[in-house]
Amino acid sequence: MKAKRIFTFFFSFLFMMTFAQKEQDSLKVKWKYEPNFLAGFDVLNAGVGAFSDRKLFQGFVSSHIKGNWYAIADAGFEKNIYQKNGYDASVSGPFLKLGTLYMLAHDQENPMNGFFVGGKVAGSFYNQEYKAVPIRGYGGSDASQAFPASNQSSYWMEANIGGRVQLFDSPFYIEATVQPKYLLFSTKQDEIKPMIVPGFGKSSAKFNMGFSWNIAYSF
């Protein structure tokens, strides 16, 4: 009888240990980390800024949501000047973009490789200064007027069309995008339409086109 109890206890203990180990292994599989974030920096516009008046620095972070959908957030800073048609303006300030991307076609072995489309809403909060704004002078002559620096904001929507490829077997990626943009709204200083909007570019027209060439890291 005593031996029977010992064997019953032993096998019960062994069963409990086996069940606990399976639960632990299940949790390990469940909480196994998979790379889900991609952070990148636009090296194209940063490099071009060394040879032009436009100084643009921007980066992004994206994360997989579900299926072929990804969430993405861009942030950056731009400093630029506008000297054309009698205008002499300068702007500087940060901008932010939020949106989603959809992978149209991707590599079966690595779903982060492929072609994508998407859309974003964006806003910029910047400081602008007009050193000269063309006005009609006395007797119809051309003249200009200066305005003090002021804080303004602008908002727009943009589409994203691009592709991404992994650099060999490293966690680094190369990404290129084209960004058609449409300006929705801008605040004005003395009813003067802004000539440049950080993150949007020249805003003398509602439509604009942006480009980026990014180096990204997956983590």
Protein backbone atom coordinates (compact mmCIF):
# COMPACT_ATOMS: atom_id res chain seq x y z
CA MET A 1 0.00 0.00 0.00
CA LYS A 2 2.82 2.32 0.89
CA ALA A 3 4.60 1.54 -2.36
CA LYS A 4 1.39 2.25 -4.29
CA ARG A 5 1.14 5.69 -2.71
CA ILE A 6 4.77 6.43 -3.51
CA PHE A 7 4.29 5.45 -7.17
CA THR A 8 1.06 7.51 -7.37
CA PHE A 9 2.79 10.55 -5.92
CA PHE A 10 5.80 10.10 -8.21
CA PHE A 11 3.77 9.87 -11.41
CA SER A 12 1.50 12.75 -10.33
CA PHE A 13 4.57 14.91 -9.70
CA LEU A 14 6.07 13.88 -13.06
CA PHE A 15 2.80 14.74 -14.84
CA MET A 16 2.64 18.17 -13.18
CA MET A 17 6.25 18.93 -14.10
CA THR A 18 5.65 17.90 -17.71
CA PHE A 19 2.50 20.05 -17.92
CA ALA A 20 4.31 23.04 -16.38
CA GLN A 21 7.15 22.66 -18.88
CA LYS A 22 4.70 22.59 -21.78
CA GLU A 23 3.02 25.75 -20.46
CA GLN A 24 6.40 27.44 -20.13
CA ASP A 25 7.37 26.45 -23.68
CA SER A 26 3.99 27.71 -24.92
CA LEU A 27 4.56 31.08 -23.26
CA LYS A 28 8.04 31.28 -24.75
CA VAL A 29 6.61 30.74 -28.23
CA LYS A 30 3.79 33.19 -27.57
CA TRP A 31 6.08 35.97 -26.39
CA LYS A 32 8.86 35.34 -28.88
CA TYR A 33 10.02 38.72 -30.21
CA GLU A 34 9.81 39.32 -33.92
CA PRO A 35 11.30 42.43 -35.59
CA ASN A 36 8.34 44.73 -36.12
CA PHE A 37 9.73 48.26 -36.38
CA LEU A 38 11.57 49.98 -39.18
CA ALA A 39 13.30 53.33 -38.60
CA GLY A 40 14.81 55.31 -41.45
CA PHE A 41 16.52 58.58 -42.35
CA ASP A 42 16.29 60.49 -45.63
CA VAL A 43 19.87 60.74 -46.86
CA LEU A 44 18.94 62.22 -50.26
CA ASN A 45 17.49 65.53 -49.06
CA ALA A 46 19.99 65.81 -46.21
CA GLY A 47 22.82 65.49 -48.72
CA VAL A 48 21.31 67.91 -51.26
CA GLY A 49 21.01 70.48 -48.47
CA ALA A 50 24.79 70.87 -48.46
CA PHE A 51 24.56 72.45 -51.93
CA SER A 52 21.28 74.39 -51.76
CA ASP A 53 19.33 76.86 -49.64
CA ARG A 54 16.90 74.15 -48.59
CA LYS A 55 18.04 72.33 -45.44
CA LEU A 56 15.73 69.34 -44.95
CA PHE A 57 16.21 66.63 -42.34
CA GLN A 58 13.54 63.97 -41.94
CA GLY A 59 13.10 60.41 -40.74
CA PHE A 60 10.35 57.86 -40.16
CA VAL A 61 9.28 54.92 -38.00
CA SER A 62 6.89 52.26 -39.31
CA SER A 63 5.34 49.19 -37.71
CA HIS A 64 3.37 46.22 -39.01
CA ILE A 65 -0.34 46.31 -38.13
CA LYS A 66 -2.01 43.34 -39.81
CA GLY A 67 -1.73 41.55 -43.11
CA ASN A 68 -0.14 43.90 -45.63
CA TRP A 69 -0.89 47.05 -43.60
CA TYR A 70 1.73 49.17 -41.82
CA ALA A 71 1.45 52.30 -39.68
CA ILE A 72 4.01 55.04 -40.29
CA ALA A 73 5.03 58.32 -38.68
CA ASP A 74 7.42 60.89 -40.20
CA ALA A 75 9.06 63.80 -38.42
CA GLY A 76 11.52 66.39 -39.63
CA PHE A 77 12.81 69.94 -39.74
CA GLU A 78 13.26 72.28 -42.71
CA LYS A 79 14.90 75.66 -43.20
CA ASN A 80 14.53 77.41 -46.54
CA ILE A 81 14.36 80.75 -48.36
CA TYR A 82 12.21 82.03 -51.21
CA GLN A 83 13.53 84.79 -53.49
CA LYS A 84 11.39 85.10 -56.60
CA ASN A 85 8.95 87.54 -58.25
CA GLY A 86 9.83 90.29 -55.78
CA TYR A 87 9.43 88.09 -52.69
CA ASP A 88 12.22 87.62 -50.16
CA ALA A 89 11.06 85.18 -47.50
CA SER A 90 12.63 82.73 -45.08
CA VAL A 91 11.03 79.91 -43.06
CA SER A 92 12.14 77.32 -40.53
CA GLY A 93 10.29 74.80 -38.40
CA PRO A 94 9.35 71.18 -37.69
CA PHE A 95 6.70 69.03 -39.36
CA LEU A 96 4.92 65.75 -38.60
CA LYS A 97 3.19 63.18 -40.84
CA LEU A 98 0.99 60.24 -39.82
CA GLY A 99 -0.47 57.57 -42.05
CA THR A 100 -0.55 53.98 -43.30
CA LEU A 101 1.16 51.94 -46.01
CA TYR A 102 -0.08 48.90 -47.93
CA MET A 103 2.35 46.40 -49.46
CA LEU A 104 1.19 45.79 -53.02
CA ALA A 105 3.81 43.14 -53.71
CA HIS A 106 6.40 41.66 -51.40
CA ASP A 107 9.01 38.95 -51.08
CA GLN A 108 7.60 35.71 -49.67
CA GLU A 109 10.71 35.18 -47.54
CA ASN A 110 10.82 38.76 -46.29
CA PRO A 111 7.51 40.67 -46.35
CA MET A 112 9.33 43.97 -45.74
CA ASN A 113 10.84 43.79 -49.23
CA GLY A 114 8.55 45.02 -51.98
CA PHE A 115 6.45 47.84 -53.39
CA PHE A 116 3.94 49.86 -51.41
CA VAL A 117 1.41 52.68 -51.60
CA GLY A 118 -0.07 54.74 -48.79
CA GLY A 119 -1.38 58.04 -47.56
CA LYS A 120 -0.57 60.50 -44.79
CA VAL A 121 -1.95 63.61 -43.15
CA ALA A 122 0.68 66.20 -42.27
CA GLY A 123 1.16 69.47 -40.46
CA SER A 124 3.92 72.01 -39.99
CA PHE A 125 4.35 74.69 -37.32
CA TYR A 126 6.98 77.16 -38.40
CA ASN A 127 8.43 80.64 -38.17
CA GLN A 128 8.36 82.80 -41.29
CA GLU A 129 9.74 86.23 -42.10
CA TYR A 130 9.07 88.40 -45.15
CA LYS A 131 11.92 90.81 -45.85
CA ALA A 132 10.18 91.93 -49.04
CA VAL A 133 6.65 91.48 -50.41
CA PRO A 134 5.82 93.15 -53.76
CA ILE A 135 3.09 95.82 -53.54
CA ARG A 136 1.74 98.48 -55.91
CA GLY A 137 3.48 101.76 -55.13
CA TYR A 138 2.48 105.37 -55.72
CA GLY A 139 1.56 106.08 -59.32
CA GLY A 140 1.56 102.40 -60.21
CA SER A 141 5.27 101.93 -59.55
CA ASP A 142 6.62 98.68 -58.14
CA ALA A 143 7.53 98.66 -54.48
CA SER A 144 7.97 96.20 -51.63
CA GLN A 145 7.13 96.00 -47.95
CA ALA A 146 8.73 94.05 -45.11
CA PHE A 147 6.82 92.14 -42.42
CA PRO A 148 8.10 90.97 -39.03
CA ALA A 149 8.70 87.30 -38.22
CA SER A 150 5.59 85.38 -37.18
CA ASN A 151 4.54 81.85 -36.26
CA GLN A 152 2.29 80.09 -38.79
CA SER A 153 0.96 76.60 -39.52
CA SER A 154 0.00 74.61 -42.60
CA TYR A 155 -1.69 71.25 -43.21
CA TRP A 156 -1.70 68.92 -46.21
CA MET A 157 -2.32 65.39 -47.44
CA GLU A 158 0.15 63.30 -49.38
CA ALA A 159 0.30 59.94 -51.12
CA ASN A 160 3.31 57.63 -50.85
CA ILE A 161 4.48 55.38 -53.67
CA GLY A 162 7.72 53.50 -53.29
CA GLY A 163 9.78 50.38 -52.84
CA ARG A 164 12.07 48.82 -50.27
CA VAL A 165 14.86 46.23 -50.45
CA GLN A 166 17.04 44.61 -47.82
CA LEU A 167 20.81 45.11 -47.93
CA PHE A 168 22.13 41.54 -48.17
CA ASP A 169 21.37 39.67 -44.90
CA SER A 170 21.75 42.74 -42.69
CA PRO A 171 18.98 44.54 -40.75
CA PHE A 172 19.44 47.55 -43.06
CA TYR A 173 17.13 48.49 -45.94
CA ILE A 174 17.15 50.96 -48.82
CA GLU A 175 13.84 52.70 -49.49
CA ALA A 176 12.84 55.18 -52.20
CA THR A 177 9.50 57.04 -52.32
CA VAL A 178 7.61 59.58 -54.39
CA GLN A 179 5.15 61.84 -52.53
CA PRO A 180 2.44 63.79 -54.43
CA LYS A 181 1.14 66.45 -52.01
CA TYR A 182 -1.95 68.65 -51.78
CA LEU A 183 -2.06 71.67 -49.46
CA LEU A 184 -5.31 71.83 -47.48
CA PHE A 185 -4.99 74.92 -45.29
CA SER A 186 -2.47 77.54 -44.18
CA THR A 187 -2.69 80.37 -41.70
CA LYS A 188 -1.78 83.78 -43.14
CA GLN A 189 0.07 86.85 -41.98
CA ASP A 190 -1.81 89.97 -43.10
CA GLU A 191 -3.55 87.86 -45.78
CA ILE A 192 -0.22 86.92 -47.38
CA LYS A 193 -0.14 83.39 -48.73
CA PRO A 194 2.95 81.46 -47.55
CA MET A 195 5.57 80.90 -50.24
CA ILE A 196 7.26 77.93 -48.50
CA VAL A 197 6.00 75.39 -45.97
CA PRO A 198 8.49 73.14 -44.12
CA GLY A 199 7.92 69.53 -45.13
CA PHE A 200 5.69 70.55 -48.05
CA GLY A 201 8.05 72.71 -50.09
CA LYS A 202 7.15 75.71 -52.22
CA SER A 203 3.49 76.45 -51.65
CA SER A 204 2.79 79.03 -54.33
CA ALA A 205 0.59 76.24 -55.79
CA LYS A 206 -1.64 73.75 -53.99
CA PHE A 207 0.12 70.74 -55.53
CA ASN A 208 3.72 69.72 -54.94
CA MET A 209 5.91 66.65 -55.40
CA GLY A 210 8.38 65.26 -52.89
CA PHE A 211 11.09 62.60 -53.12
CA SER A 212 13.05 60.68 -50.52
CA TRP A 213 15.80 58.07 -50.49
CA ASN A 214 16.10 56.45 -47.08
CA ILE A 215 18.46 54.17 -45.22
CA ALA A 216 16.39 52.20 -42.71
CA TYR A 217 17.09 49.78 -39.85
CA SER A 218 14.81 46.96 -38.71
CA PHE A 219 14.52 46.19 -34.99
